N, C-alpha and C. Protein backbone atom coordinates (compact mmCIF):
# COMPACT_ATOMS: atom_id res chain seq x y z
N MET A 1 18.52 31.26 73.87
CA MET A 1 17.66 30.58 73.80
C MET A 1 16.73 30.93 72.52
N ALA A 2 16.97 32.29 71.51
CA ALA A 2 16.44 32.46 70.62
C ALA A 2 17.01 31.35 69.43
N ASN A 3 18.20 30.83 70.32
CA ASN A 3 18.65 30.02 69.40
C ASN A 3 18.23 28.23 69.58
N ARG A 4 18.00 28.30 70.71
CA ARG A 4 16.90 26.62 71.12
C ARG A 4 15.43 26.68 70.62
N ASP A 5 15.38 27.97 70.02
CA ASP A 5 14.00 28.49 69.07
C ASP A 5 13.77 27.86 67.59
N LEU A 6 15.52 28.49 67.51
CA LEU A 6 15.52 28.51 66.05
C LEU A 6 15.70 26.63 66.01
N ASP A 7 16.99 25.91 66.53
CA ASP A 7 16.74 25.08 66.85
C ASP A 7 15.35 24.07 66.21
N LYS A 8 15.11 24.42 67.51
CA LYS A 8 13.40 23.66 67.90
C LYS A 8 12.54 23.53 66.11
N ALA A 9 12.26 24.65 65.60
CA ALA A 9 11.36 25.38 64.59
C ALA A 9 12.23 24.39 63.55
N LEU A 10 13.85 24.89 63.02
CA LEU A 10 14.38 23.73 62.18
C LEU A 10 14.10 22.38 62.50
N ALA A 11 13.63 22.07 63.32
CA ALA A 11 13.79 20.60 64.34
C ALA A 11 12.12 20.46 63.01
N SER A 12 11.56 20.85 63.34
CA SER A 12 9.95 20.25 63.19
C SER A 12 9.57 20.42 61.48
N LEU A 13 10.91 21.31 61.75
CA LEU A 13 10.88 21.51 59.95
C LEU A 13 11.32 20.56 58.80
N ARG A 14 11.83 19.77 59.44
CA ARG A 14 13.08 19.33 59.07
C ARG A 14 12.10 17.74 59.04
N GLY A 15 11.33 17.37 60.42
CA GLY A 15 10.56 16.99 60.07
C GLY A 15 9.53 16.39 59.45
N ASP A 16 8.79 17.98 59.30
CA ASP A 16 7.69 17.99 58.56
C ASP A 16 8.34 18.27 57.20
N LEU A 17 9.38 18.28 56.47
CA LEU A 17 10.20 18.08 54.66
C LEU A 17 9.86 16.41 54.39
N GLN A 18 10.51 15.92 55.55
CA GLN A 18 10.34 14.98 55.73
C GLN A 18 9.44 13.42 55.50
N ARG A 19 8.48 14.16 56.19
CA ARG A 19 6.64 13.29 55.94
C ARG A 19 6.32 13.73 54.68
N VAL A 20 6.87 15.48 54.21
CA VAL A 20 5.93 15.89 52.43
C VAL A 20 6.35 14.12 52.50
N GLN A 21 8.36 14.62 51.93
CA GLN A 21 8.98 13.54 51.53
C GLN A 21 7.95 11.91 51.78
N LYS A 22 8.05 11.86 52.24
CA LYS A 22 7.16 9.91 52.40
C LYS A 22 6.03 9.98 51.58
N ASP A 23 5.35 11.25 52.08
CA ASP A 23 3.56 11.26 50.94
C ASP A 23 3.79 11.63 50.05
N LEU A 24 5.00 12.60 49.03
CA LEU A 24 4.91 12.44 48.05
C LEU A 24 5.61 11.15 46.89
N GLY A 25 6.77 10.76 47.55
CA GLY A 25 6.59 9.07 47.67
C GLY A 25 5.93 7.55 47.91
N ARG A 26 4.49 8.17 48.48
CA ARG A 26 3.45 6.91 48.20
C ARG A 26 2.56 7.38 47.11
N LEU A 27 2.61 8.87 47.19
CA LEU A 27 1.51 9.47 45.45
C LEU A 27 2.33 8.96 44.23
N ALA A 28 4.12 9.47 44.04
CA ALA A 28 4.35 8.58 43.16
C ALA A 28 4.20 7.35 42.70
N ARG A 29 4.38 5.98 43.66
CA ARG A 29 4.02 5.01 43.73
C ARG A 29 2.66 4.99 43.50
N GLY A 30 2.03 5.38 43.98
CA GLY A 30 0.09 4.99 43.84
C GLY A 30 0.03 5.39 42.63
N GLY A 31 -0.05 6.48 42.30
CA GLY A 31 0.13 7.09 40.43
C GLY A 31 0.71 6.29 39.99
N GLY A 32 2.08 5.65 39.64
CA GLY A 32 2.74 4.98 39.02
C GLY A 32 1.88 3.54 38.25
N LYS A 33 0.57 3.06 39.98
CA LYS A 33 0.37 1.86 40.48
C LYS A 33 -1.07 2.04 39.06
N VAL A 34 -1.14 3.55 39.17
CA VAL A 34 -2.86 4.50 38.57
C VAL A 34 -2.40 3.95 36.80
N ALA A 35 -1.44 4.54 36.99
CA ALA A 35 -0.86 4.74 35.49
C ALA A 35 -0.61 2.74 34.78
N GLN A 36 -0.86 2.06 35.63
CA GLN A 36 0.02 0.98 35.35
C GLN A 36 -1.65 0.23 34.53
N GLN A 37 -2.29 0.11 35.65
CA GLN A 37 -3.58 -0.20 35.05
C GLN A 37 -4.46 0.62 34.55
N ALA A 38 -4.68 1.76 34.09
CA ALA A 38 -4.97 2.59 33.12
C ALA A 38 -4.37 2.02 31.63
N GLY A 39 -2.95 2.20 32.04
CA GLY A 39 -2.44 1.47 30.57
C GLY A 39 -2.48 -0.52 30.09
N SER A 40 -3.14 -0.77 31.34
CA SER A 40 -3.63 -2.38 31.21
C SER A 40 -4.38 -1.99 30.50
N THR A 41 -5.89 -1.04 31.61
CA THR A 41 -7.08 -1.18 31.21
C THR A 41 -7.10 -0.39 29.45
N ALA A 42 -6.86 -0.10 29.15
CA ALA A 42 -6.29 0.90 27.61
C ALA A 42 -6.13 -1.12 26.53
N ASN A 43 -4.94 -0.64 27.08
CA ASN A 43 -4.59 -1.56 26.00
C ASN A 43 -5.65 -3.62 26.35
N GLU A 44 -6.19 -3.71 27.50
CA GLU A 44 -7.59 -4.61 27.61
C GLU A 44 -8.38 -3.93 26.49
N ALA A 45 -8.52 -2.90 26.96
CA ALA A 45 -9.67 -1.64 25.49
C ALA A 45 -9.38 -1.88 24.10
N LYS A 46 -8.01 -2.23 23.82
CA LYS A 46 -7.54 -2.33 22.04
C LYS A 46 -7.79 -3.40 21.60
N ASP A 47 -7.74 -4.83 22.75
CA ASP A 47 -7.57 -5.90 22.10
C ASP A 47 -9.36 -5.73 21.35
N ALA A 48 -10.19 -5.51 22.41
CA ALA A 48 -10.90 -5.80 22.61
C ALA A 48 -11.50 -5.68 21.45
N ALA A 49 -11.38 -4.22 21.31
CA ALA A 49 -11.45 -3.22 19.98
C ALA A 49 -11.33 -4.61 18.55
N LEU A 50 -10.07 -5.02 18.71
CA LEU A 50 -9.33 -5.20 17.18
C LEU A 50 -9.70 -7.22 17.07
N GLN A 51 -10.30 -7.65 18.72
CA GLN A 51 -11.08 -9.07 18.54
C GLN A 51 -12.53 -8.64 17.66
N ALA A 52 -13.46 -7.37 18.01
CA ALA A 52 -14.30 -7.18 17.65
C ALA A 52 -13.96 -6.52 16.11
N LEU A 53 -13.29 -6.29 15.37
CA LEU A 53 -13.18 -5.97 14.20
C LEU A 53 -12.67 -6.88 13.30
N GLU A 54 -12.24 -8.17 14.06
CA GLU A 54 -11.23 -9.09 12.88
C GLU A 54 -12.80 -10.31 13.26
N ALA A 55 -14.23 -9.80 14.01
CA ALA A 55 -14.92 -11.22 14.04
C ALA A 55 -15.80 -10.09 12.88
N GLU A 56 -15.04 -8.86 12.47
CA GLU A 56 -17.20 -8.00 11.84
C GLU A 56 -15.84 -8.15 10.40
N ALA A 57 -14.74 -8.18 10.48
CA ALA A 57 -13.89 -8.46 9.14
C ALA A 57 -14.33 -9.87 8.55
N ARG A 58 -14.02 -10.86 9.38
CA ARG A 58 -14.65 -12.56 9.19
C ARG A 58 -15.93 -12.39 8.65
N GLY A 59 -17.08 -11.31 9.56
CA GLY A 59 -18.86 -11.68 8.75
C GLY A 59 -18.88 -11.46 7.71
N LEU A 60 -18.28 -10.41 7.65
CA LEU A 60 -18.16 -9.68 6.04
C LEU A 60 -17.56 -10.60 5.20
N LEU A 61 -16.26 -11.40 5.30
CA LEU A 61 -15.81 -11.90 4.03
C LEU A 61 -16.26 -13.51 3.85
N ASP A 62 -17.28 -13.81 4.51
CA ASP A 62 -17.91 -14.72 4.87
C ASP A 62 -19.44 -14.30 3.90
N THR A 63 -19.82 -12.73 3.97
CA THR A 63 -20.62 -12.92 3.36
C THR A 63 -20.23 -12.36 1.93
N VAL A 64 -19.77 -12.23 1.76
CA VAL A 64 -18.83 -11.91 -0.08
C VAL A 64 -18.96 -12.98 -0.26
N LYS A 65 -18.01 -14.04 0.21
CA LYS A 65 -17.88 -15.57 -0.39
C LYS A 65 -19.21 -16.07 -0.72
N GLU A 66 -20.08 -16.35 -0.42
CA GLU A 66 -21.52 -16.29 -0.33
C GLU A 66 -22.22 -15.91 -1.51
N ILE A 67 -22.01 -14.01 -1.01
CA ILE A 67 -22.51 -14.12 -2.69
C ILE A 67 -21.88 -14.61 -3.83
N GLY A 68 -20.83 -14.79 -3.49
CA GLY A 68 -19.73 -15.14 -4.36
C GLY A 68 -19.74 -15.65 -5.46
N SER A 69 -20.50 -16.61 -4.89
CA SER A 69 -20.44 -18.36 -4.56
C SER A 69 -21.71 -18.10 -5.01
N SER A 70 -22.66 -18.29 -4.50
CA SER A 70 -23.96 -17.50 -5.14
C SER A 70 -23.74 -16.47 -6.89
N ALA A 71 -23.38 -15.79 -7.00
CA ALA A 71 -23.05 -14.82 -8.90
C ALA A 71 -22.49 -16.69 -9.21
N VAL A 72 -21.48 -17.04 -9.39
CA VAL A 72 -20.88 -18.09 -9.88
C VAL A 72 -22.11 -18.93 -10.13
N ALA A 73 -22.90 -20.02 -9.51
CA ALA A 73 -24.04 -20.72 -9.53
C ALA A 73 -24.98 -19.89 -10.09
N SER A 74 -25.57 -18.91 -10.51
CA SER A 74 -26.40 -18.24 -11.27
C SER A 74 -25.43 -18.54 -12.31
N GLY A 75 -23.99 -17.91 -13.06
CA GLY A 75 -23.95 -17.59 -14.00
C GLY A 75 -23.47 -18.92 -14.83
N GLU A 76 -23.52 -19.77 -14.13
CA GLU A 76 -24.10 -21.00 -14.71
C GLU A 76 -24.57 -21.75 -14.88
N ASP A 77 -25.49 -21.98 -14.22
CA ASP A 77 -27.41 -21.55 -14.66
C ASP A 77 -27.28 -21.28 -16.05
N VAL A 78 -27.50 -20.13 -15.74
CA VAL A 78 -27.54 -19.14 -17.50
C VAL A 78 -26.59 -19.21 -18.58
N VAL A 79 -25.38 -20.22 -18.24
CA VAL A 79 -24.37 -20.33 -19.50
C VAL A 79 -25.54 -21.52 -19.55
N SER A 80 -26.13 -22.63 -18.68
CA SER A 80 -26.61 -24.28 -19.26
C SER A 80 -27.21 -23.27 -20.12
N SER A 81 -28.05 -23.04 -19.21
CA SER A 81 -30.13 -22.61 -20.09
C SER A 81 -29.82 -22.29 -21.43
N VAL A 82 -28.36 -21.43 -21.82
CA VAL A 82 -28.11 -21.12 -23.05
C VAL A 82 -27.95 -22.50 -24.13
N GLU A 83 -27.02 -23.03 -24.01
CA GLU A 83 -26.23 -24.04 -23.95
C GLU A 83 -27.17 -25.21 -24.84
N ASP A 84 -28.35 -24.94 -23.43
CA ASP A 84 -28.88 -25.97 -23.60
C ASP A 84 -30.56 -25.75 -24.49
N HIS A 85 -31.09 -23.87 -25.20
CA HIS A 85 -31.45 -23.55 -25.54
C HIS A 85 -30.83 -23.55 -27.41
N ILE A 86 -29.82 -23.52 -27.04
CA ILE A 86 -29.01 -23.45 -28.42
C ILE A 86 -29.31 -24.94 -29.15
N ASN A 87 -29.36 -26.10 -28.37
CA ASN A 87 -28.83 -27.34 -29.16
C ASN A 87 -30.38 -28.01 -28.84
N GLU A 88 -31.12 -27.36 -28.15
CA GLU A 88 -32.68 -27.52 -28.58
C GLU A 88 -33.19 -26.64 -30.41
N HIS A 89 -32.03 -25.71 -30.06
CA HIS A 89 -33.18 -24.71 -31.45
C HIS A 89 -31.43 -24.58 -32.25
N PRO A 90 -30.83 -25.12 -32.72
CA PRO A 90 -29.98 -24.55 -33.91
C PRO A 90 -30.18 -23.75 -34.72
N LEU A 91 -31.18 -24.27 -35.61
CA LEU A 91 -31.10 -23.34 -36.99
C LEU A 91 -31.61 -22.23 -36.51
N ALA A 92 -32.97 -22.05 -36.22
CA ALA A 92 -32.88 -20.64 -34.87
C ALA A 92 -31.74 -19.62 -34.64
N MET A 93 -30.97 -19.80 -33.90
CA MET A 93 -30.14 -20.09 -32.95
C MET A 93 -29.34 -19.46 -33.77
N VAL A 94 -28.68 -20.18 -35.05
CA VAL A 94 -27.57 -19.91 -36.45
C VAL A 94 -28.08 -18.64 -37.43
N ALA A 95 -29.88 -18.87 -37.53
CA ALA A 95 -30.20 -17.48 -38.45
C ALA A 95 -30.29 -16.48 -37.29
N ALA A 96 -30.14 -16.52 -36.61
CA ALA A 96 -30.54 -14.83 -34.99
C ALA A 96 -28.94 -14.60 -34.83
N ALA A 97 -27.80 -15.50 -34.87
CA ALA A 97 -26.11 -14.71 -35.16
C ALA A 97 -26.56 -14.37 -36.77
N LEU A 98 -27.15 -14.94 -37.30
CA LEU A 98 -26.98 -14.08 -38.77
C LEU A 98 -27.75 -12.86 -39.18
N GLY A 99 -28.49 -12.44 -38.60
CA GLY A 99 -29.28 -11.14 -38.04
C GLY A 99 -28.48 -10.39 -37.45
N VAL A 100 -28.06 -10.90 -36.94
CA VAL A 100 -27.39 -9.68 -35.54
C VAL A 100 -26.26 -9.15 -36.50
N GLY A 101 -25.57 -10.49 -37.06
CA GLY A 101 -24.62 -10.16 -37.73
C GLY A 101 -25.16 -8.74 -38.85
N VAL A 102 -26.35 -9.37 -39.65
CA VAL A 102 -26.05 -8.81 -40.89
C VAL A 102 -26.71 -7.10 -40.14
N ALA A 103 -27.17 -7.14 -39.41
CA ALA A 103 -27.64 -5.92 -38.97
C ALA A 103 -26.44 -4.75 -37.95
N ILE A 104 -25.56 -4.92 -37.59
CA ILE A 104 -24.30 -4.87 -36.78
C ILE A 104 -23.77 -4.08 -38.44
N GLY A 105 -23.63 -4.99 -39.12
CA GLY A 105 -22.78 -4.89 -40.80
C GLY A 105 -23.56 -3.79 -41.19
N LEU A 106 -24.83 -3.07 -41.20
CA LEU A 106 -25.58 -2.19 -42.24
C LEU A 106 -25.15 -0.90 -41.16
N LEU A 107 -25.13 -0.94 -40.11
CA LEU A 107 -24.69 -0.16 -38.74
C LEU A 107 -23.56 0.57 -39.10
N ILE A 108 -22.24 -0.66 -39.24
CA ILE A 108 -21.62 0.18 -39.76
C ILE A 108 -21.47 0.86 -41.31
N SER A 109 -21.71 0.24 -41.81
CA SER A 109 -22.01 1.37 -43.63
C SER A 109 -22.63 2.47 -43.12
N TRP A 110 -23.77 1.98 -42.51
CA TRP A 110 -24.91 3.13 -42.20
C TRP A 110 -24.22 4.55 -41.82
N ARG A 111 -23.10 4.35 -40.75
CA ARG A 111 -22.44 4.74 -39.90
C ARG A 111 -20.44 6.26 -40.31
N ARG A 112 -20.49 5.34 -41.31
CA ARG A 112 -19.49 5.69 -42.68
C ARG A 112 -20.13 7.31 -43.81
């Protein structure tokens, strides 16, 4: 009789163990799905962040291009203005250049 009770208890334990194994298998599969979903979500977040950074970089590059173009245009305007002034007053510009040259020469000889 004790053997029968022991056999029943062992059979019950085996059944419980099989149910636990099935439950663990379901949990593992569910955990795998959750991990896949988390990985997918992380990849989507990474892609979104990269796209946002690329858009920001493009915007900054466009701004830099605009500033550079504006600086070039301003420089060309200044050069054109100086050229026009030199063409309008050539003798005054030669006298100014001569005066600057003499001043530099005096400063160099005075420093020695």
